Amino acid sequence: MGDPYTEQLARKTAATREALEAVGDGAAVALAVWEDPAASLEQGFRNKAKMVVAGSVEEPTLGILGPLGEGVDLRHCGLHEPGLHAALPVLADHVRQAGLTPYDVPARRGELKHLVVTVSPDGQLMVRWVLRSTEALPRLRKHLPALLDALPVAVASANIQPEHKAVLEGPQELVLTSQETLPMRLGVPGAEAVVLQLRPQSFFQTNTLVATELYATARRWVVGLGPGEVWDLYSGVGGFALHLAGEGRAVTGVEISEEAVRGAQRAAGLADLRAEFVAGDAVAWAQGQAGRPDLLVVNPPRRGLGPDLSRWVEGSGVPHLLYSSCHSGSLARDLAAMPSYAVERVRVLDMFPQTTHHEVLVLLRRR
């Protein structure tokens, strides 16, 4: 964006305020507690690199495709965390050593389509090769030990995506290491941390610093409410659920991705937390329950809750709702469909600096 970072934060907060005040009782939204926005590092903040592999075996590029389908190398992108910066040149060398032919999009030939690399707060890596077929697997396995000696790779896997279309990955994932989850240790040094367990095909926020602040804010807000039962819809790998578990609370997370659920279950078991995770559609699951929680947590995709779930929430009688949104517009639409809830607290979290995008956490109380 080019503007001073403080101005960027102010603009995102103003845009969120405008969107929420346009819904229902704007004066009540204005009177809610608006906490200071959570700032990000201005560069070096992304914990995940999704790199298109192009060029040749001898000179691979890791980055994006240009207008003619040519590779544009971005391995020195300033948005990536230092651990990714250090890893990408080594991974490019590994492409050469293993003879992994980059996929040529215009010609529709080659094997290696993408490299997806995630770095944990402890500096460990998850490396995923997205391949057109299993043809290159023997070479990948042969040269993997040398890569494990060169980089702190905790999890390595091959994803098979045979189709020629703009889809990052396919459904088949082959884990190549004995370890299947990347521990994501979140917390202030010296304090008790929550360790999430990230599997290859599960989602985690790409800004670890701000994600940590997001979950810490949620936990701080919930402490005063004292809920006995919590439901976390769209729970992912358990970020909210595991941060809210404990202190006698029974927490249930619901997530459509079975891979994410497996990671969340592993994290809860390792930490001995009272949290259950269910693989299923959040709307159908909520509608099928006989009771209701004391606190409902929702972290939907960019499109928001939608009319069906908003309608269920409105009629549920749940006393408190914690809503994490990555789009103020869809958040505002959902709030308009739930007029029984008043906004109590709001915080903007800058998950995506240098863009107009951001995360918003809202605590709502049933009137």
Protein backbone atom coordinates (compact mmCIF):
# COMPACT_ATOMS: atom_id res chain seq x y z
CA MET A 1 0.00 0.00 0.00
CA GLY A 2 2.94 2.34 0.61
CA ASP A 3 1.27 4.28 3.43
CA PRO A 4 2.68 4.49 6.99
CA TYR A 5 1.67 1.43 8.93
CA THR A 6 -0.20 3.37 11.63
CA GLU A 7 -2.38 4.86 8.91
CA GLN A 8 -3.09 1.41 7.50
CA LEU A 9 -4.27 0.19 10.91
CA ALA A 10 -6.44 3.27 11.41
CA ARG A 11 -8.02 2.82 7.98
CA LYS A 12 -8.85 -0.85 8.63
CA THR A 13 -10.40 -0.01 11.99
CA ALA A 14 -12.45 2.79 10.42
CA ALA A 15 -13.68 0.49 7.64
CA THR A 16 -14.74 -2.13 10.20
CA ARG A 17 -16.52 0.48 12.33
CA GLU A 18 -18.36 1.82 9.31
CA ALA A 19 -19.48 -1.65 8.24
CA LEU A 20 -20.76 -2.60 11.69
CA GLU A 21 -22.42 0.72 12.49
CA ALA A 22 -24.44 0.43 9.29
CA VAL A 23 -26.17 -2.64 10.75
CA GLY A 24 -29.19 -2.25 13.01
CA ASP A 25 -28.47 -0.10 16.04
CA GLY A 26 -25.37 1.78 14.91
CA ALA A 27 -25.26 3.82 18.10
CA ALA A 28 -24.97 0.64 20.19
CA VAL A 29 -22.08 -0.56 18.05
CA ALA A 30 -20.37 2.79 18.53
CA LEU A 31 -20.73 2.39 22.31
CA ALA A 32 -19.15 -1.08 22.31
CA VAL A 33 -15.61 -1.46 23.63
CA TRP A 34 -13.26 -1.06 20.66
CA GLU A 35 -9.85 -2.37 21.68
CA ASP A 36 -6.67 -1.15 20.05
CA PRO A 37 -5.94 -3.06 16.84
CA ALA A 38 -3.44 -5.91 16.97
CA ALA A 39 -0.48 -4.92 14.82
CA SER A 40 1.65 -7.24 12.72
CA LEU A 41 5.25 -7.15 11.69
CA GLU A 42 5.36 -5.10 8.49
CA GLN A 43 7.46 -7.72 6.71
CA GLY A 44 8.73 -11.22 7.41
CA PHE A 45 5.35 -12.27 8.86
CA ARG A 46 4.09 -15.07 6.59
CA ASN A 47 4.61 -18.56 8.01
CA LYS A 48 3.58 -20.25 4.77
CA ALA A 49 4.96 -20.11 1.24
CA LYS A 50 2.82 -21.45 -1.61
CA MET A 51 5.22 -21.44 -4.55
CA VAL A 52 4.48 -22.32 -8.15
CA VAL A 53 7.42 -24.31 -9.52
CA ALA A 54 8.36 -23.47 -13.12
CA GLY A 55 11.47 -23.13 -15.28
CA SER A 56 13.60 -26.24 -15.78
CA VAL A 57 15.15 -28.95 -13.66
CA GLU A 58 18.51 -27.17 -13.98
CA GLU A 59 17.09 -23.71 -13.22
CA PRO A 60 13.79 -24.01 -11.35
CA THR A 61 11.85 -20.93 -10.28
CA LEU A 62 9.80 -20.83 -7.09
CA GLY A 63 7.13 -18.13 -7.05
CA ILE A 64 4.30 -17.30 -9.45
CA LEU A 65 3.55 -17.53 -13.16
CA GLY A 66 3.90 -14.54 -15.46
CA PRO A 67 1.32 -13.56 -18.10
CA LEU A 68 2.72 -16.02 -20.65
CA GLY A 69 2.96 -18.90 -18.18
CA GLU A 70 6.63 -18.31 -17.45
CA GLY A 71 8.03 -18.67 -13.93
CA VAL A 72 8.68 -15.55 -11.84
CA ASP A 73 11.01 -16.35 -8.94
CA LEU A 74 9.91 -15.04 -5.52
CA ARG A 75 12.07 -17.12 -3.21
CA HIS A 76 13.44 -13.89 -1.66
CA CYS A 77 9.98 -12.38 -1.04
CA GLY A 78 10.11 -10.02 1.94
CA LEU A 79 6.77 -11.24 3.33
CA HIS A 80 8.09 -14.67 4.36
CA GLU A 81 9.41 -15.46 7.82
CA PRO A 82 13.21 -15.84 8.04
CA GLY A 83 12.92 -19.63 8.31
CA LEU A 84 11.20 -19.76 4.93
CA HIS A 85 13.78 -17.39 3.42
CA ALA A 86 16.52 -19.79 4.46
CA ALA A 87 14.67 -22.90 3.29
CA LEU A 88 13.56 -21.93 -0.22
CA PRO A 89 17.03 -21.85 -1.89
CA VAL A 90 17.83 -25.24 -0.35
CA LEU A 91 14.53 -26.60 -1.67
CA ALA A 92 15.34 -25.26 -5.14
CA ASP A 93 18.62 -27.18 -4.99
CA HIS A 94 16.69 -30.28 -3.96
CA VAL A 95 14.48 -29.93 -7.06
CA ARG A 96 17.66 -30.11 -9.17
CA GLN A 97 19.22 -32.98 -7.23
CA ALA A 98 16.07 -35.11 -7.30
CA GLY A 99 15.39 -34.37 -10.97
CA LEU A 100 11.86 -33.09 -10.28
CA THR A 101 10.75 -31.64 -13.62
CA PRO A 102 8.72 -28.43 -13.10
CA TYR A 103 5.26 -28.52 -14.61
CA ASP A 104 5.03 -26.46 -17.81
CA VAL A 105 1.52 -24.98 -17.75
CA PRO A 106 1.32 -23.87 -21.42
CA ALA A 107 2.72 -27.21 -22.67
CA ARG A 108 0.88 -29.29 -20.03
CA ARG A 109 3.90 -31.46 -19.25
CA GLY A 110 6.21 -31.98 -16.30
CA GLU A 111 5.71 -33.29 -12.77
CA LEU A 112 6.30 -30.77 -9.96
CA LYS A 113 3.53 -28.17 -9.76
CA HIS A 114 3.93 -26.47 -6.39
CA LEU A 115 6.03 -26.37 -3.24
CA VAL A 116 4.08 -25.56 -0.08
CA VAL A 117 6.26 -24.83 2.94
CA THR A 118 5.18 -23.92 6.48
CA VAL A 119 7.47 -22.86 9.33
CA SER A 120 6.52 -23.31 12.98
CA PRO A 121 7.32 -20.91 15.85
CA ASP A 122 10.05 -23.39 16.87
CA GLY A 123 11.67 -23.21 13.43
CA GLN A 124 10.55 -26.63 12.18
CA LEU A 125 9.27 -27.05 8.64
CA MET A 126 6.48 -28.83 6.86
CA VAL A 127 7.35 -29.35 3.17
CA ARG A 128 4.80 -30.53 0.61
CA TRP A 129 5.51 -31.30 -3.04
CA VAL A 130 2.42 -31.09 -5.27
CA LEU A 131 3.03 -33.55 -8.11
CA ARG A 132 1.16 -34.41 -11.26
CA SER A 133 1.56 -38.16 -10.61
CA THR A 134 3.49 -40.63 -8.48
CA GLU A 135 6.19 -41.01 -11.19
CA ALA A 136 8.71 -38.81 -9.34
CA LEU A 137 8.13 -40.37 -5.91
CA PRO A 138 11.11 -42.79 -6.03
CA ARG A 139 13.51 -39.91 -6.77
CA LEU A 140 11.88 -37.75 -4.13
CA ARG A 141 12.25 -40.49 -1.52
CA LYS A 142 15.86 -41.19 -2.56
CA HIS A 143 16.97 -37.59 -2.04
CA LEU A 144 14.80 -36.88 1.01
CA PRO A 145 17.43 -37.95 3.62
CA ALA A 146 19.87 -35.34 2.28
CA LEU A 147 17.19 -32.68 2.54
CA LEU A 148 16.39 -33.72 6.12
CA ASP A 149 20.08 -33.28 6.94
CA ALA A 150 20.12 -29.81 5.38
CA LEU A 151 16.87 -28.40 6.81
CA PRO A 152 14.82 -28.86 10.02
CA VAL A 153 11.99 -30.65 8.20
CA ALA A 154 9.58 -32.26 10.65
CA VAL A 155 6.93 -33.30 8.12
CA ALA A 156 7.34 -34.02 4.41
CA SER A 157 4.60 -35.16 2.06
CA ALA A 158 3.68 -35.48 -1.59
CA ASN A 159 0.29 -34.35 -2.82
CA ILE A 160 -0.99 -35.76 -6.11
CA GLN A 161 -2.85 -33.29 -8.35
CA PRO A 162 -3.15 -34.74 -11.89
CA GLU A 163 -5.63 -32.24 -13.31
CA HIS A 164 -4.68 -29.25 -15.45
CA LYS A 165 -6.61 -26.53 -13.66
CA ALA A 166 -6.08 -23.71 -11.17
CA VAL A 167 -6.38 -25.89 -8.06
CA LEU A 168 -3.47 -25.90 -5.65
CA GLU A 169 -3.67 -29.50 -4.52
CA GLY A 170 -5.46 -32.81 -4.98
CA PRO A 171 -7.17 -35.13 -2.48
CA GLN A 172 -4.34 -37.70 -2.24
CA GLU A 173 -1.61 -36.94 0.30
CA LEU A 174 1.35 -39.29 0.89
CA VAL A 175 3.30 -38.54 4.08
CA LEU A 176 7.00 -39.34 3.59
CA THR A 177 8.25 -38.89 7.16
CA SER A 178 7.44 -40.78 10.35
CA GLN A 179 6.10 -37.56 11.87
CA GLU A 180 2.72 -36.49 10.44
CA THR A 181 1.95 -33.24 12.28
CA LEU A 182 3.83 -29.96 12.64
CA PRO A 183 3.62 -28.61 16.22
CA MET A 184 2.59 -24.95 16.25
CA ARG A 185 3.51 -23.67 19.71
CA LEU A 186 1.56 -20.49 20.44
CA GLY A 187 2.11 -18.35 23.50
CA VAL A 188 4.27 -15.82 25.25
CA PRO A 189 7.73 -17.20 26.15
CA GLY A 190 7.73 -18.39 29.75
CA ALA A 191 3.94 -18.78 29.88
CA GLU A 192 1.90 -21.92 29.30
CA ALA A 193 1.58 -22.39 25.55
CA VAL A 194 -1.06 -24.07 23.45
CA VAL A 195 0.50 -26.42 20.91
CA LEU A 196 -1.63 -26.95 17.82
CA GLN A 197 -0.90 -29.94 15.58
CA LEU A 198 -0.93 -29.02 11.89
CA ARG A 199 -1.42 -31.82 9.35
CA PRO A 200 -0.48 -31.38 5.67
CA GLN A 201 -3.97 -30.65 4.31
CA SER A 202 -5.30 -28.55 7.19
CA PHE A 203 -5.52 -24.75 7.39
CA PHE A 204 -3.74 -22.44 9.81
CA GLN A 205 -3.55 -18.65 9.81
CA THR A 206 -0.52 -17.48 7.83
CA ASN A 207 0.51 -14.85 10.40
CA THR A 208 1.58 -16.66 13.57
CA LEU A 209 2.15 -13.51 15.64
CA VAL A 210 -1.32 -12.12 14.99
CA ALA A 211 -2.97 -15.56 15.23
CA THR A 212 -1.48 -15.89 18.71
CA GLU A 213 -2.94 -12.50 19.64
CA LEU A 214 -6.32 -13.49 18.17
CA TYR A 215 -6.59 -16.58 20.37
CA ALA A 216 -5.22 -14.75 23.42
CA THR A 217 -7.85 -12.02 22.98
CA ALA A 218 -10.61 -14.62 22.73
CA ARG A 219 -9.44 -16.34 25.90
CA ARG A 220 -9.21 -13.02 27.77
CA TRP A 221 -12.73 -12.04 26.78
CA VAL A 222 -14.23 -15.41 27.67
CA VAL A 223 -12.70 -15.67 31.16
CA GLY A 224 -15.20 -13.15 32.55
CA LEU A 225 -18.18 -14.94 31.01
CA GLY A 226 -17.55 -18.25 32.79
CA PRO A 227 -19.24 -20.55 30.24
CA GLY A 228 -19.66 -24.18 31.18
CA GLU A 229 -20.16 -25.43 27.62
CA VAL A 230 -18.62 -24.03 24.45
CA TRP A 231 -19.27 -24.94 20.82
CA ASP A 232 -16.69 -23.92 18.23
CA LEU A 233 -18.08 -24.09 14.70
CA TYR A 234 -15.58 -24.08 11.82
CA SER A 235 -12.99 -25.08 14.41
CA GLY A 236 -10.14 -25.89 12.01
CA VAL A 237 -7.14 -27.34 13.84
CA GLY A 238 -8.65 -26.22 17.16
CA GLY A 239 -7.18 -22.75 17.63
CA PHE A 240 -10.12 -21.27 19.51
CA ALA A 241 -11.36 -24.51 21.08
CA LEU A 242 -8.03 -25.46 22.62
CA HIS A 243 -7.37 -21.95 23.90
CA LEU A 244 -10.81 -21.90 25.57
CA ALA A 245 -10.65 -25.43 27.00
CA GLY A 246 -9.84 -26.00 30.67
CA GLU A 247 -11.18 -24.45 33.87
CA GLY A 248 -14.06 -26.94 33.88
CA ARG A 249 -15.32 -25.98 30.42
CA ALA A 250 -16.60 -28.64 28.04
CA VAL A 251 -15.61 -27.65 24.50
CA THR A 252 -16.80 -29.19 21.24
CA GLY A 253 -15.28 -28.22 17.89
CA VAL A 254 -16.96 -28.93 14.54
CA GLU A 255 -14.99 -28.85 11.29
CA ILE A 256 -15.64 -30.23 7.78
CA SER A 257 -11.96 -31.14 7.19
CA GLU A 258 -11.18 -34.57 8.61
CA GLU A 259 -7.44 -33.79 8.44
CA ALA A 260 -7.93 -30.72 10.64
CA VAL A 261 -10.06 -32.70 13.09
CA ARG A 262 -7.38 -35.38 13.39
CA GLY A 263 -4.81 -32.70 14.21
CA ALA A 264 -7.10 -31.05 16.78
CA GLN A 265 -7.83 -34.38 18.45
CA ARG A 266 -4.11 -35.12 18.69
CA ALA A 267 -3.40 -31.69 20.20
CA ALA A 268 -6.18 -32.11 22.79
CA GLY A 269 -4.91 -35.56 23.73
CA LEU A 270 -1.30 -34.46 24.12
CA ALA A 271 -2.35 -31.52 26.31
CA ASP A 272 -4.93 -33.56 28.26
CA LEU A 273 -7.61 -30.96 27.52
CA ARG A 274 -11.35 -31.54 27.77
CA ALA A 275 -12.16 -30.85 24.14
CA GLU A 276 -14.00 -33.01 21.61
CA PHE A 277 -13.77 -32.55 17.86
CA VAL A 278 -16.31 -33.70 15.28
CA ALA A 279 -15.87 -33.94 11.51
CA GLY A 280 -19.00 -32.62 9.85
CA ASP A 281 -20.92 -29.70 8.37
CA ALA A 282 -21.25 -26.94 10.97
CA VAL A 283 -24.80 -25.96 9.98
CA ALA A 284 -26.17 -29.51 9.92
CA TRP A 285 -24.44 -30.39 13.19
CA ALA A 286 -25.78 -27.34 15.05
CA GLN A 287 -29.30 -27.87 13.73
CA GLY A 288 -29.19 -31.49 14.88
CA GLN A 289 -28.37 -30.75 18.53
CA ALA A 290 -31.06 -30.87 21.22
CA GLY A 291 -29.41 -28.42 23.60
CA ARG A 292 -27.43 -25.20 23.32
CA PRO A 293 -24.04 -24.02 24.63
CA ASP A 294 -23.33 -21.13 26.98
CA LEU A 295 -20.95 -19.69 24.39
CA LEU A 296 -20.90 -20.20 20.64
CA VAL A 297 -17.67 -19.52 18.73
CA VAL A 298 -17.81 -19.14 14.95
CA ASN A 299 -14.91 -18.65 12.55
CA PRO A 300 -16.52 -19.05 9.12
CA PRO A 301 -14.91 -18.71 5.70
CA ARG A 302 -14.88 -15.35 3.93
CA ARG A 303 -18.52 -15.71 2.81
CA GLY A 304 -19.68 -15.66 6.45
CA LEU A 305 -22.27 -17.79 8.24
CA GLY A 306 -24.91 -17.45 5.56
CA PRO A 307 -28.69 -17.32 6.07
CA ASP A 308 -29.24 -20.86 7.42
CA LEU A 309 -26.72 -20.71 10.25
CA SER A 310 -27.51 -17.06 11.04
CA ARG A 311 -31.17 -18.02 11.34
CA TRP A 312 -30.31 -20.91 13.65
CA VAL A 313 -28.13 -18.72 15.86
CA GLU A 314 -30.84 -16.06 16.06
CA GLY A 315 -33.38 -18.60 17.30
CA SER A 316 -31.01 -20.63 19.46
CA GLY A 317 -31.09 -18.59 22.64
CA VAL A 318 -27.31 -18.90 23.03
CA PRO A 319 -26.39 -16.13 25.52
CA HIS A 320 -22.98 -15.19 24.05
CA LEU A 321 -21.46 -15.37 20.57
CA LEU A 322 -17.78 -14.95 19.71
CA TYR A 323 -17.43 -14.25 15.98
CA SER A 324 -14.07 -14.19 14.19
CA SER A 325 -14.36 -12.82 10.66
CA CYS A 326 -11.94 -12.18 7.81
CA HIS A 327 -14.45 -9.95 5.98
CA SER A 328 -16.31 -7.07 7.62
CA GLY A 329 -18.96 -7.06 4.90
CA SER A 330 -20.09 -10.66 5.44
CA LEU A 331 -19.85 -10.13 9.21
CA ALA A 332 -22.19 -7.13 8.92
CA ARG A 333 -24.67 -9.14 6.82
CA ASP A 334 -24.71 -11.92 9.41
CA LEU A 335 -25.20 -9.46 12.28
CA ALA A 336 -28.16 -7.93 10.42
CA ALA A 337 -29.73 -11.41 10.38
CA MET A 338 -29.20 -11.77 14.16
CA PRO A 339 -30.84 -8.65 15.66
CA SER A 340 -31.22 -10.29 19.08
CA TYR A 341 -27.47 -9.88 19.66
CA ALA A 342 -25.73 -6.70 20.77
CA VAL A 343 -22.06 -6.00 20.06
CA GLU A 344 -20.06 -5.74 23.29
CA ARG A 345 -16.41 -5.83 22.22
CA VAL A 346 -14.56 -5.46 18.92
CA ARG A 347 -10.93 -5.84 17.94
CA VAL A 348 -9.32 -5.56 14.52
CA LEU A 349 -6.32 -7.85 14.04
CA ASP A 350 -4.00 -7.11 11.13
CA MET A 351 -3.44 -10.61 9.80
CA PHE A 352 -2.57 -9.25 6.33
CA PRO A 353 -0.42 -6.07 6.50
CA GLN A 354 0.17 -4.05 3.33
CA THR A 355 -3.30 -5.07 2.08
CA THR A 356 -6.88 -3.97 2.76
CA HIS A 357 -7.67 -7.36 4.37
CA HIS A 358 -7.83 -7.97 8.11
CA GLU A 359 -9.41 -10.13 10.81
CA VAL A 360 -12.13 -8.87 13.17
CA LEU A 361 -13.06 -10.46 16.50
CA VAL A 362 -16.46 -9.52 17.92
CA LEU A 363 -18.10 -10.52 21.19
CA LEU A 364 -21.90 -10.38 21.15
CA ARG A 365 -24.45 -10.72 23.95
CA ARG A 366 -28.06 -11.73 23.60
CA ARG A 367 -30.25 -8.78 24.46
